[in-house]
Amino acid sequence: MGTETERLQREIKRLIKQLGWSQKRFARELLAMTDEGDCATEDEVGQYEERVKKHLSRSATKPELLQRYLHQLQQHDAFDDLKVVVPYFVPTEGFNMEFVKGMQAISMKLDE
């Protein structure tokens, strides 16, 4: 099943593979979506590529950072071409936490 970090890393890698991108291309696209991307030097772009590549492989990467990468990827124009539906869970007050956690566990197993 894996940790939340591992699950997010797998999901991001799966989506960038579907786009036909390398991890370096993914990093360049992420950087281009930021304000820093407009004025980054080649060295800075290379450093950013390596940093993102490491984030996609290290188990110590924070899930929050990977969630941000995933969100940015979903906002990219090329993502629309994938015709992928991104599920979004909105908790309802009527569900108890045990039920929600059980449903999340089932969802994670289906993702594998």
PDB file of N, CA and C in Angstrom:
ATOM      1  N   MET A   1       0.825  -1.172   0.000  1.00  0.00           N
ATOM      2  CA  MET A   1       0.000   0.000   0.000  1.00  0.00           C
ATOM      3  C   MET A   1       0.880   1.249   0.000  1.00  0.00           C
ATOM      4  N   GLY A   2       1.842   1.339   0.906  1.00  0.00           N
ATOM      5  CA  GLY A   2       2.775   2.450   0.898  1.00  0.00           C
ATOM      6  C   GLY A   2       2.277   3.639   1.686  1.00  0.00           C
ATOM      7  N   THR A   3       3.180   4.569   1.828  1.00  0.00           N
ATOM      8  CA  THR A   3       2.862   5.796   2.559  1.00  0.00           C
ATOM      9  C   THR A   3       2.167   6.777   1.620  1.00  0.00           C
ATOM     10  N   GLU A   4       1.680   7.864   2.194  1.00  0.00           N
ATOM     11  CA  GLU A   4       1.046   8.918   1.400  1.00  0.00           C
ATOM     12  C   GLU A   4       2.058   9.495   0.407  1.00  0.00           C
ATOM     13  N   THR A   5       3.303   9.665   0.843  1.00  0.00           N
ATOM     14  CA  THR A   5       4.353  10.175  -0.033  1.00  0.00           C
ATOM     15  C   THR A   5       4.554   9.248  -1.226  1.00  0.00           C
ATOM     16  N   GLU A   6       4.666   7.957  -0.971  1.00  0.00           N
ATOM     17  CA  GLU A   6       4.879   6.991  -2.057  1.00  0.00           C
ATOM     18  C   GLU A   6       3.694   6.974  -3.017  1.00  0.00           C
ATOM     19  N   ARG A   7       2.488   7.058  -2.473  1.00  0.00           N
ATOM     20  CA  ARG A   7       1.293   7.048  -3.322  1.00  0.00           C
ATOM     21  C   ARG A   7       1.277   8.271  -4.237  1.00  0.00           C
ATOM     22  N   LEU A   8       1.590   9.434  -3.679  1.00  0.00           N
ATOM     23  CA  LEU A   8       1.605  10.659  -4.483  1.00  0.00           C
ATOM     24  C   LEU A   8       2.717  10.627  -5.526  1.00  0.00           C
ATOM     25  N   GLN A   9       3.872  10.111  -5.157  1.00  0.00           N
ATOM     26  CA  GLN A   9       4.973  10.000  -6.113  1.00  0.00           C
ATOM     27  C   GLN A   9       4.568   9.101  -7.280  1.00  0.00           C
ATOM     28  N   ARG A  10       3.938   7.966  -6.979  1.00  0.00           N
ATOM     29  CA  ARG A  10       3.487   7.055  -8.047  1.00  0.00           C
ATOM     30  C   ARG A  10       2.464   7.726  -8.952  1.00  0.00           C
ATOM     31  N   GLU A  11       1.529   8.453  -8.347  1.00  0.00           N
ATOM     32  CA  GLU A  11       0.477   9.118  -9.119  1.00  0.00           C
ATOM     33  C   GLU A  11       1.059  10.181 -10.046  1.00  0.00           C
ATOM     34  N   ILE A  12       1.972  10.986  -9.529  1.00  0.00           N
ATOM     35  CA  ILE A  12       2.595  12.022 -10.354  1.00  0.00           C
ATOM     36  C   ILE A  12       3.385  11.388 -11.489  1.00  0.00           C
ATOM     37  N   LYS A  13       4.155  10.379 -11.179  1.00  0.00           N
ATOM     38  CA  LYS A  13       4.949   9.695 -12.223  1.00  0.00           C
ATOM     39  C   LYS A  13       4.050   9.078 -13.287  1.00  0.00           C
ATOM     40  N   ARG A  14       2.928   8.516 -12.855  1.00  0.00           N
ATOM     41  CA  ARG A  14       1.990   7.903 -13.807  1.00  0.00           C
ATOM     42  C   ARG A  14       1.415   8.954 -14.752  1.00  0.00           C
ATOM     43  N   LEU A  15       1.051  10.094 -14.191  1.00  0.00           N
ATOM     44  CA  LEU A  15       0.455  11.149 -15.010  1.00  0.00           C
ATOM     45  C   LEU A  15       1.465  11.777 -15.971  1.00  0.00           C
ATOM     46  N   ILE A  16       2.695  12.008 -15.507  1.00  0.00           N
ATOM     47  CA  ILE A  16       3.667  12.607 -16.422  1.00  0.00           C
ATOM     48  C   ILE A  16       4.067  11.621 -17.515  1.00  0.00           C
ATOM     49  N   LYS A  17       4.012  10.329 -17.187  1.00  0.00           N
ATOM     50  CA  LYS A  17       4.273   9.321 -18.220  1.00  0.00           C
ATOM     51  C   LYS A  17       3.162   9.343 -19.268  1.00  0.00           C
ATOM     52  N   GLN A  18       1.922   9.492 -18.819  1.00  0.00           N
ATOM     53  CA  GLN A  18       0.797   9.581 -19.748  1.00  0.00           C
ATOM     54  C   GLN A  18       0.924  10.798 -20.654  1.00  0.00           C
ATOM     55  N   LEU A  19       1.502  11.866 -20.120  1.00  0.00           N
ATOM     56  CA  LEU A  19       1.708  13.071 -20.924  1.00  0.00           C
ATOM     57  C   LEU A  19       2.880  12.925 -21.886  1.00  0.00           C
ATOM     58  N   GLY A  20       3.694  11.888 -21.673  1.00  0.00           N
ATOM     59  CA  GLY A  20       4.870  11.697 -22.510  1.00  0.00           C
ATOM     60  C   GLY A  20       6.027  12.586 -22.093  1.00  0.00           C
ATOM     61  N   TRP A  21       6.022  13.023 -20.850  1.00  0.00           N
ATOM     62  CA  TRP A  21       7.057  13.903 -20.329  1.00  0.00           C
ATOM     63  C   TRP A  21       8.071  13.104 -19.522  1.00  0.00           C
ATOM     64  N   SER A  22       9.302  13.615 -19.486  1.00  0.00           N
ATOM     65  CA  SER A  22      10.301  13.104 -18.556  1.00  0.00           C
ATOM     66  C   SER A  22      10.110  13.852 -17.238  1.00  0.00           C
ATOM     67  N   GLN A  23      10.806  13.405 -16.204  1.00  0.00           N
ATOM     68  CA  GLN A  23      10.726  14.119 -14.933  1.00  0.00           C
ATOM     69  C   GLN A  23      11.356  15.503 -15.055  1.00  0.00           C
ATOM     70  N   LYS A  24      12.382  15.627 -15.885  1.00  0.00           N
ATOM     71  CA  LYS A  24      12.999  16.934 -16.103  1.00  0.00           C
ATOM     72  C   LYS A  24      12.030  17.870 -16.816  1.00  0.00           C
ATOM     73  N   ARG A  25      11.310  17.352 -17.782  1.00  0.00           N
ATOM     74  CA  ARG A  25      10.322  18.176 -18.494  1.00  0.00           C
ATOM     75  C   ARG A  25       9.232  18.619 -17.530  1.00  0.00           C
ATOM     76  N   PHE A  26       8.801  17.705 -16.682  1.00  0.00           N
ATOM     77  CA  PHE A  26       7.799  18.032 -15.672  1.00  0.00           C
ATOM     78  C   PHE A  26       8.295  19.187 -14.798  1.00  0.00           C
ATOM     79  N   ALA A  27       9.554  19.111 -14.358  1.00  0.00           N
ATOM     80  CA  ALA A  27      10.125  20.170 -13.530  1.00  0.00           C
ATOM     81  C   ALA A  27      10.157  21.496 -14.279  1.00  0.00           C
ATOM     82  N   ARG A  28      10.538  21.461 -15.562  1.00  0.00           N
ATOM     83  CA  ARG A  28      10.575  22.699 -16.349  1.00  0.00           C
ATOM     84  C   ARG A  28       9.176  23.299 -16.477  1.00  0.00           C
ATOM     85  N   GLU A  29       8.182  22.449 -16.677  1.00  0.00           N
ATOM     86  CA  GLU A  29       6.802  22.927 -16.783  1.00  0.00           C
ATOM     87  C   GLU A  29       6.337  23.536 -15.463  1.00  0.00           C
ATOM     88  N   LEU A  30       6.700  22.893 -14.333  1.00  0.00           N
ATOM     89  CA  LEU A  30       6.347  23.447 -13.023  1.00  0.00           C
ATOM     90  C   LEU A  30       6.992  24.812 -12.832  1.00  0.00           C
ATOM     91  N   LEU A  31       8.263  24.900 -13.169  1.00  0.00           N
ATOM     92  CA  LEU A  31       8.985  26.159 -13.016  1.00  0.00           C
ATOM     93  C   LEU A  31       8.390  27.244 -13.907  1.00  0.00           C
ATOM     94  N   ALA A  32       7.992  26.872 -15.097  1.00  0.00           N
ATOM     95  CA  ALA A  32       7.407  27.849 -16.028  1.00  0.00           C
ATOM     96  C   ALA A  32       6.085  28.408 -15.504  1.00  0.00           C
ATOM     97  N   MET A  33       5.416  27.644 -14.658  1.00  0.00           N
ATOM     98  CA  MET A  33       4.139  28.077 -14.109  1.00  0.00           C
ATOM     99  C   MET A  33       4.302  29.041 -12.923  1.00  0.00           C
ATOM    100  N   THR A  34       5.555  29.277 -12.513  1.00  0.00           N
ATOM    101  CA  THR A  34       5.814  30.179 -11.388  1.00  0.00           C
ATOM    102  C   THR A  34       6.379  31.498 -11.894  1.00  0.00           C
ATOM    103  N   ASP A  35       6.407  32.474 -11.027  1.00  0.00           N
ATOM    104  CA  ASP A  35       6.983  33.771 -11.383  1.00  0.00           C
ATOM    105  C   ASP A  35       8.486  33.673 -11.614  1.00  0.00           C
ATOM    106  N   GLU A  36       9.163  32.767 -10.883  1.00  0.00           N
ATOM    107  CA  GLU A  36      10.608  32.620 -11.020  1.00  0.00           C
ATOM    108  C   GLU A  36      10.999  32.029 -12.372  1.00  0.00           C
ATOM    109  N   GLY A  37      10.089  31.334 -12.999  1.00  0.00           N
ATOM    110  CA  GLY A  37      10.384  30.670 -14.270  1.00  0.00           C
ATOM    111  C   GLY A  37      10.725  31.628 -15.391  1.00  0.00           C
ATOM    112  N   ASP A  38      10.197  32.836 -15.325  1.00  0.00           N
ATOM    113  CA  ASP A  38      10.431  33.813 -16.388  1.00  0.00           C
ATOM    114  C   ASP A  38      11.866  34.312 -16.439  1.00  0.00           C
ATOM    115  N   CYS A  39      12.529  34.351 -15.298  1.00  0.00           N
ATOM    116  CA  CYS A  39      13.870  34.938 -15.267  1.00  0.00           C
ATOM    117  C   CYS A  39      14.935  33.946 -14.797  1.00  0.00           C
ATOM    118  N   ALA A  40      14.635  32.654 -14.800  1.00  0.00           N
ATOM    119  CA  ALA A  40      15.587  31.648 -14.332  1.00  0.00           C
ATOM    120  C   ALA A  40      16.699  31.439 -15.352  1.00  0.00           C
ATOM    121  N   THR A  41      17.919  31.287 -14.846  1.00  0.00           N
ATOM    122  CA  THR A  41      19.061  30.996 -15.707  1.00  0.00           C
ATOM    123  C   THR A  41      19.080  29.495 -16.002  1.00  0.00           C
ATOM    124  N   GLU A  42      19.913  29.091 -16.941  1.00  0.00           N
ATOM    125  CA  GLU A  42      20.027  27.661 -17.258  1.00  0.00           C
ATOM    126  C   GLU A  42      20.475  26.858 -16.035  1.00  0.00           C
ATOM    127  N   ASP A  43      21.395  27.428 -15.253  1.00  0.00           N
ATOM    128  CA  ASP A  43      21.853  26.742 -14.036  1.00  0.00           C
ATOM    129  C   ASP A  43      20.711  26.569 -13.039  1.00  0.00           C
ATOM    130  N   GLU A  44      19.913  27.607 -12.869  1.00  0.00           N
ATOM    131  CA  GLU A  44      18.782  27.536 -11.942  1.00  0.00           C
ATOM    132  C   GLU A  44      17.747  26.517 -12.416  1.00  0.00           C
ATOM    133  N   VAL A  45      17.518  26.470 -13.723  1.00  0.00           N
ATOM    134  CA  VAL A  45      16.585  25.487 -14.275  1.00  0.00           C
ATOM    135  C   VAL A  45      17.114  24.076 -14.012  1.00  0.00           C
ATOM    136  N   GLY A  46      18.398  23.866 -14.235  1.00  0.00           N
ATOM    137  CA  GLY A  46      19.004  22.555 -13.987  1.00  0.00           C
ATOM    138  C   GLY A  46      18.907  22.145 -12.532  1.00  0.00           C
ATOM    139  N   GLN A  47      19.142  23.082 -11.634  1.00  0.00           N
ATOM    140  CA  GLN A  47      19.037  22.795 -10.204  1.00  0.00           C
ATOM    141  C   GLN A  47      17.598  22.455  -9.822  1.00  0.00           C
ATOM    142  N   TYR A  48      16.649  23.178 -10.389  1.00  0.00           N
ATOM    143  CA  TYR A  48      15.239  22.922 -10.099  1.00  0.00           C
ATOM    144  C   TYR A  48      14.833  21.539 -10.613  1.00  0.00           C
ATOM    145  N   GLU A  49      15.315  21.183 -11.808  1.00  0.00           N
ATOM    146  CA  GLU A  49      15.023  19.856 -12.367  1.00  0.00           C
ATOM    147  C   GLU A  49      15.518  18.761 -11.434  1.00  0.00           C
ATOM    148  N   GLU A  50      16.727  18.899 -10.941  1.00  0.00           N
ATOM    149  CA  GLU A  50      17.291  17.886 -10.040  1.00  0.00           C
ATOM    150  C   GLU A  50      16.537  17.821  -8.717  1.00  0.00           C
ATOM    151  N   ARG A  51      16.135  18.983  -8.211  1.00  0.00           N
ATOM    152  CA  ARG A  51      15.389  19.020  -6.952  1.00  0.00           C
ATOM    153  C   ARG A  51      14.047  18.301  -7.087  1.00  0.00           C
ATOM    154  N   VAL A  52      13.323  18.593  -8.170  1.00  0.00           N
ATOM    155  CA  VAL A  52      12.022  17.946  -8.377  1.00  0.00           C
ATOM    156  C   VAL A  52      12.207  16.440  -8.578  1.00  0.00           C
ATOM    157  N   LYS A  53      13.218  16.069  -9.334  1.00  0.00           N
ATOM    158  CA  LYS A  53      13.500  14.647  -9.567  1.00  0.00           C
ATOM    159  C   LYS A  53      13.745  13.923  -8.239  1.00  0.00           C
ATOM    160  N   LYS A  54      14.484  14.552  -7.332  1.00  0.00           N
ATOM    161  CA  LYS A  54      14.736  13.959  -6.017  1.00  0.00           C
ATOM    162  C   LYS A  54      13.455  13.894  -5.194  1.00  0.00           C
ATOM    163  N   HIS A  55      12.616  14.926  -5.291  1.00  0.00           N
ATOM    164  CA  HIS A  55      11.352  14.924  -4.557  1.00  0.00           C
ATOM    165  C   HIS A  55      10.460  13.762  -5.002  1.00  0.00           C
ATOM    166  N   LEU A  56      10.585  13.365  -6.260  1.00  0.00           N
ATOM    167  CA  LEU A  56       9.751  12.285  -6.777  1.00  0.00           C
ATOM    168  C   LEU A  56      10.301  10.896  -6.450  1.00  0.00           C
ATOM    169  N   SER A  57      11.455  10.843  -5.774  1.00  0.00           N
ATOM    170  CA  SER A  57      12.018   9.532  -5.451  1.00  0.00           C
ATOM    171  C   SER A  57      12.327   9.332  -3.965  1.00  0.00           C
ATOM    172  N   ARG A  58      12.499  10.392  -3.222  1.00  0.00           N
ATOM    173  CA  ARG A  58      12.862  10.256  -1.811  1.00  0.00           C
ATOM    174  C   ARG A  58      11.650  10.030  -0.925  1.00  0.00           C
ATOM    175  N   SER A  59      11.796   9.086  -0.001  1.00  0.00           N
ATOM    176  CA  SER A  59      10.690   8.784   0.907  1.00  0.00           C
ATOM    177  C   SER A  59      10.473   9.887   1.945  1.00  0.00           C
ATOM    178  N   ALA A  60      11.467  10.748   2.124  1.00  0.00           N
ATOM    179  CA  ALA A  60      11.351  11.824   3.115  1.00  0.00           C
ATOM    180  C   ALA A  60      10.642  13.063   2.571  1.00  0.00           C
ATOM    181  N   THR A  61      10.264  13.050   1.302  1.00  0.00           N
ATOM    182  CA  THR A  61       9.573  14.197   0.721  1.00  0.00           C
ATOM    183  C   THR A  61       8.219  14.374   1.409  1.00  0.00           C
ATOM    184  N   LYS A  62       7.905  15.601   1.744  1.00  0.00           N
ATOM    185  CA  LYS A  62       6.644  15.878   2.445  1.00  0.00           C
ATOM    186  C   LYS A  62       5.468  15.726   1.477  1.00  0.00           C
ATOM    187  N   PRO A  63       4.411  15.046   1.922  1.00  0.00           N
ATOM    188  CA  PRO A  63       3.230  14.877   1.073  1.00  0.00           C
ATOM    189  C   PRO A  63       2.631  16.205   0.617  1.00  0.00           C
ATOM    190  N   GLU A  64       2.738  17.241   1.446  1.00  0.00           N
ATOM    191  CA  GLU A  64       2.183  18.545   1.092  1.00  0.00           C
ATOM    192  C   GLU A  64       2.837  19.109  -0.170  1.00  0.00           C
ATOM    193  N   LEU A  65       4.142  18.909  -0.292  1.00  0.00           N
ATOM    194  CA  LEU A  65       4.856  19.367  -1.478  1.00  0.00           C
ATOM    195  C   LEU A  65       4.400  18.588  -2.709  1.00  0.00           C
ATOM    196  N   LEU A  66       4.255  17.285  -2.554  1.00  0.00           N
ATOM    197  CA  LEU A  66       3.808  16.456  -3.673  1.00  0.00           C
ATOM    198  C   LEU A  66       2.367  16.789  -4.057  1.00  0.00           C
ATOM    199  N   GLN A  67       1.540  17.103  -3.068  1.00  0.00           N
ATOM    200  CA  GLN A  67       0.166  17.526  -3.352  1.00  0.00           C
ATOM    201  C   GLN A  67       0.184  18.804  -4.186  1.00  0.00           C
ATOM    202  N   ARG A  68       1.098  19.724  -3.852  1.00  0.00           N
ATOM    203  CA  ARG A  68       1.212  20.969  -4.610  1.00  0.00           C
ATOM    204  C   ARG A  68       1.643  20.679  -6.045  1.00  0.00           C
ATOM    205  N   TYR A  69       2.621  19.773  -6.227  1.00  0.00           N
ATOM    206  CA  TYR A  69       3.048  19.391  -7.572  1.00  0.00           C
ATOM    207  C   TYR A  69       1.879  18.803  -8.356  1.00  0.00           C
ATOM    208  N   LEU A  70       1.117  17.927  -7.706  1.00  0.00           N
ATOM    209  CA  LEU A  70      -0.018  17.286  -8.369  1.00  0.00           C
ATOM    210  C   LEU A  70      -1.061  18.321  -8.759  1.00  0.00           C
ATOM    211  N   HIS A  71      -1.317  19.255  -7.878  1.00  0.00           N
ATOM    212  CA  HIS A  71      -2.287  20.319  -8.173  1.00  0.00           C
ATOM    213  C   HIS A  71      -1.806  21.169  -9.349  1.00  0.00           C
ATOM    214  N   GLN A  72      -0.523  21.521  -9.358  1.00  0.00           N
ATOM    215  CA  GLN A  72       0.022  22.306 -10.463  1.00  0.00           C
ATOM    216  C   GLN A  72      -0.093  21.533 -11.776  1.00  0.00           C
ATOM    217  N   LEU A  73       0.192  20.251 -11.720  1.00  0.00           N
ATOM    218  CA  LEU A  73       0.091  19.416 -12.922  1.00  0.00           C
ATOM    219  C   LEU A  73      -1.340  19.411 -13.439  1.00  0.00           C
ATOM    220  N   GLN A  74      -2.298  19.312 -12.541  1.00  0.00           N
ATOM    221  CA  GLN A  74      -3.701  19.286 -12.933  1.00  0.00           C
ATOM    222  C   GLN A  74      -4.160  20.614 -13.517  1.00  0.00           C
ATOM    223  N   GLN A  75      -3.457  21.698 -13.195  1.00  0.00           N
ATOM    224  CA  GLN A  75      -3.796  23.014 -13.724  1.00  0.00           C
ATOM    225  C   GLN A  75      -3.160  23.278 -15.091  1.00  0.00           C
ATOM    226  N   HIS A  76      -2.222  22.445 -15.491  1.00  0.00           N
ATOM    227  CA  HIS A  76      -1.505  22.649 -16.758  1.00  0.00           C
ATOM    228  C   HIS A  76      -2.444  22.383 -17.939  1.00  0.00           C
ATOM    229  N   ASP A  77      -2.287  23.166 -19.000  1.00  0.00           N
ATOM    230  CA  ASP A  77      -3.137  23.018 -20.182  1.00  0.00           C
ATOM    231  C   ASP A  77      -3.054  21.620 -20.786  1.00  0.00           C
ATOM    232  N   ALA A  78      -1.876  21.021 -20.763  1.00  0.00           N
ATOM    233  CA  ALA A  78      -1.694  19.694 -21.356  1.00  0.00           C
ATOM    234  C   ALA A  78      -2.475  18.618 -20.601  1.00  0.00           C
ATOM    235  N   PHE A  79      -2.777  18.864 -19.329  1.00  0.00           N
ATOM    236  CA  PHE A  79      -3.500  17.884 -18.530  1.00  0.00           C
ATOM    237  C   PHE A  79      -4.903  17.655 -19.072  1.00  0.00           C
ATOM    238  N   ASP A  80      -5.509  18.685 -19.659  1.00  0.00           N
ATOM    239  CA  ASP A  80      -6.849  18.546 -20.228  1.00  0.00           C
ATOM    240  C   ASP A  80      -6.892  17.498 -21.335  1.00  0.00           C
ATOM    241  N   ASP A  81      -5.782  17.331 -22.048  1.00  0.00           N
ATOM    242  CA  ASP A  81      -5.718  16.366 -23.141  1.00  0.00           C
ATOM    243  C   ASP A  81      -5.775  14.921 -22.658  1.00  0.00           C
ATOM    244  N   LEU A  82      -5.473  14.679 -21.393  1.00  0.00           N
ATOM    245  CA  LEU A  82      -5.468  13.309 -20.867  1.00  0.00           C
ATOM    246  C   LEU A  82      -6.867  12.749 -20.684  1.00  0.00           C
ATOM    247  N   LYS A  83      -7.840  13.612 -20.561  1.00  0.00           N
ATOM    248  CA  LYS A  83      -9.219  13.181 -20.310  1.00  0.00           C
ATOM    249  C   LYS A  83      -9.298  12.330 -19.036  1.00  0.00           C
ATOM    250  N   VAL A  84      -8.600  12.796 -18.006  1.00  0.00           N
ATOM    251  CA  VAL A  84      -8.563  12.113 -16.716  1.00  0.00           C
ATOM    252  C   VAL A  84      -9.486  12.845 -15.760  1.00  0.00           C
ATOM    253  N   VAL A  85     -10.266  12.095 -15.032  1.00  0.00           N
ATOM    254  CA  VAL A  85     -11.136  12.680 -14.017  1.00  0.00           C
ATOM    255  C   VAL A  85     -10.398  12.611 -12.695  1.00  0.00           C
ATOM    256  N   VAL A  86     -10.291  13.732 -12.037  1.00  0.00           N
ATOM    257  CA  VAL A  86      -9.605  13.787 -10.749  1.00  0.00           C
ATOM    258  C   VAL A  86     -10.658  13.764  -9.654  1.00  0.00           C
ATOM    259  N   PRO A  87     -10.691  12.667  -8.874  1.00  0.00           N
ATOM    260  CA  PRO A  87     -11.681  12.605  -7.797  1.00  0.00           C
ATOM    261  C   PRO A  87     -11.327  13.594  -6.692  1.00  0.00           C
ATOM    262  N   TYR A  88     -12.343  14.173  -6.125  1.00  0.00           N
ATOM    263  CA  TYR A  88     -12.148  15.142  -5.058  1.00  0.00           C
ATOM    264  C   TYR A  88     -13.156  14.835  -3.964  1.00  0.00           C
ATOM    265  N   PHE A  89     -12.656  14.462  -2.804  1.00  0.00           N
ATOM    266  CA  PHE A  89     -13.510  14.071  -1.691  1.00  0.00           C
ATOM    267  C   PHE A  89     -13.907  15.288  -0.862  1.00  0.00           C
ATOM    268  N   VAL A  90     -15.187  15.442  -0.652  1.00  0.00           N
ATOM    269  CA  VAL A  90     -15.705  16.497   0.216  1.00  0.00           C
ATOM    270  C   VAL A  90     -16.400  15.802   1.379  1.00  0.00           C
ATOM    271  N   PRO A  91     -15.797  15.869   2.567  1.00  0.00           N
ATOM    272  CA  PRO A  91     -16.404  15.163   3.705  1.00  0.00           C
ATOM    273  C   PRO A  91     -17.755  15.775   4.085  1.00  0.00           C
ATOM    274  N   THR A  92     -18.664  14.926   4.446  1.00  0.00           N
ATOM    275  CA  THR A  92     -19.986  15.341   4.876  1.00  0.00           C
ATOM    276  C   THR A  92     -20.096  15.096   6.374  1.00  0.00           C
ATOM    277  N   GLU A  93     -20.795  15.947   7.046  1.00  0.00           N
ATOM    278  CA  GLU A  93     -20.911  15.839   8.504  1.00  0.00           C
ATOM    279  C   GLU A  93     -21.521  14.514   8.955  1.00  0.00           C
ATOM    280  N   GLY A  94     -22.302  13.883   8.117  1.00  0.00           N
ATOM    281  CA  GLY A  94     -22.968  12.651   8.504  1.00  0.00           C
ATOM    282  C   GLY A  94     -22.061  11.438   8.582  1.00  0.00           C
ATOM    283  N   PHE A  95     -20.862  11.501   8.015  1.00  0.00           N
ATOM    284  CA  PHE A  95     -19.946  10.356   8.021  1.00  0.00           C
ATOM    285  C   PHE A  95     -19.060  10.398   9.258  1.00  0.00           C
ATOM    286  N   ASN A  96     -18.936   9.232   9.919  1.00  0.00           N
ATOM    287  CA  ASN A  96     -17.990   9.208  11.032  1.00  0.00           C
ATOM    288  C   ASN A  96     -16.585   8.953  10.484  1.00  0.00           C
ATOM    289  N   MET A  97     -15.571   9.273  11.271  1.00  0.00           N
ATOM    290  CA  MET A  97     -14.184   9.202  10.808  1.00  0.00           C
ATOM    291  C   MET A  97     -13.754   7.774  10.472  1.00  0.00           C
ATOM    292  N   GLU A  98     -14.283   6.803  11.162  1.00  0.00           N
ATOM    293  CA  GLU A  98     -13.930   5.403  10.884  1.00  0.00           C
ATOM    294  C   GLU A  98     -14.392   5.026   9.471  1.00  0.00           C
ATOM    295  N   PHE A  99     -15.583   5.454   9.097  1.00  0.00           N
ATOM    296  CA  PHE A  99     -16.102   5.192   7.760  1.00  0.00           C
ATOM    297  C   PHE A  99     -15.236   5.884   6.697  1.00  0.00           C
ATOM    298  N   VAL A 100     -14.898   7.146   6.936  1.00  0.00           N
ATOM    299  CA  VAL A 100     -14.090   7.915   5.983  1.00  0.00           C
ATOM    300  C   VAL A 100     -12.731   7.251   5.796  1.00  0.00           C
ATOM    301  N   LYS A 101     -12.085   6.852   6.883  1.00  0.00           N
ATOM    302  CA  LYS A 101     -10.774   6.197   6.789  1.00  0.00           C
ATOM    303  C   LYS A 101     -10.881   4.864   6.055  1.00  0.00           C
ATOM    304  N   GLY A 102     -11.952   4.139   6.285  1.00  0.00           N
ATOM    305  CA  GLY A 102     -12.160   2.881   5.576  1.00  0.00           C
ATOM    306  C   GLY A 102     -12.319   3.097   4.074  1.00  0.00           C
ATOM    307  N   MET A 103     -13.068   4.107   3.706  1.00  0.00           N
ATOM    308  CA  MET A 103     -13.255   4.424   2.284  1.00  0.00           C
ATOM    309  C   MET A 103     -11.945   4.887   1.642  1.00  0.00           C
ATOM    310  N   GLN A 104     -11.138   5.640   2.388  1.00  0.00           N
ATOM    311  CA  GLN A 104      -9.846   6.071   1.876  1.00  0.00           C
ATOM    312  C   GLN A 104      -8.931   4.873   1.653  1.00  0.00           C
ATOM    313  N   ALA A 105      -8.975   3.899   2.559  1.00  0.00           N
ATOM    314  CA  ALA A 105      -8.155   2.696   2.412  1.00  0.00           C
ATOM    315  C   ALA A 105      -8.570   1.908   1.173  1.00  0.00           C
ATOM    316  N   ILE A 106      -9.871   1.804   0.946  1.00  0.00           N
ATOM    317  CA  ILE A 106     -10.372   1.102  -0.250  1.00  0.00           C
ATOM    318  C   ILE A 106      -9.922   1.844  -1.500  1.00  0.00           C
ATOM    319  N   SER A 107     -10.028   3.155  -1.485  1.00  0.00           N
ATOM    320  CA  SER A 107      -9.613   3.969  -2.625  1.00  0.00           C
ATOM    321  C   SER A 107      -8.134   3.783  -2.931  1.00  0.00           C
ATOM    322  N   MET A 108      -7.309   3.746  -1.899  1.00  0.00           N
ATOM    323  CA  MET A 108      -5.866   3.573  -2.090  1.00  0.00           C
ATOM    324  C   MET A 108      -5.560   2.203  -2.709  1.00  0.00           C
ATOM    325  N   LYS A 109      -6.300   1.179  -2.266  1.00  0.00           N
ATOM    326  CA  LYS A 109      -6.094  -0.160  -2.842  1.00  0.00           C
ATOM    327  C   LYS A 109      -6.504  -0.191  -4.315  1.00  0.00           C
ATOM    328  N   LEU A 110      -7.558   0.521  -4.647  1.00  0.00           N
ATOM    329  CA  LEU A 110      -7.986   0.579  -6.048  1.00  0.00           C
ATOM    330  C   LEU A 110      -6.967   1.314  -6.914  1.00  0.00           C
ATOM    331  N   ASP A 111      -6.282   2.309  -6.336  1.00  0.00           N
ATOM    332  CA  ASP A 111      -5.257   3.048  -7.064  1.00  0.00           C
ATOM    333  C   ASP A 111      -4.074   2.158  -7.434  1.00  0.00           C
ATOM    334  N   GLU A 112      -3.820   1.157  -6.598  1.00  0.00           N
ATOM    335  CA  GLU A 112      -2.697   0.261  -6.859  1.00  0.00           C
ATOM    336  C   GLU A 112      -3.057  -0.674  -7.947  1.00  0.00           C
TER     337      GLU A 112
END
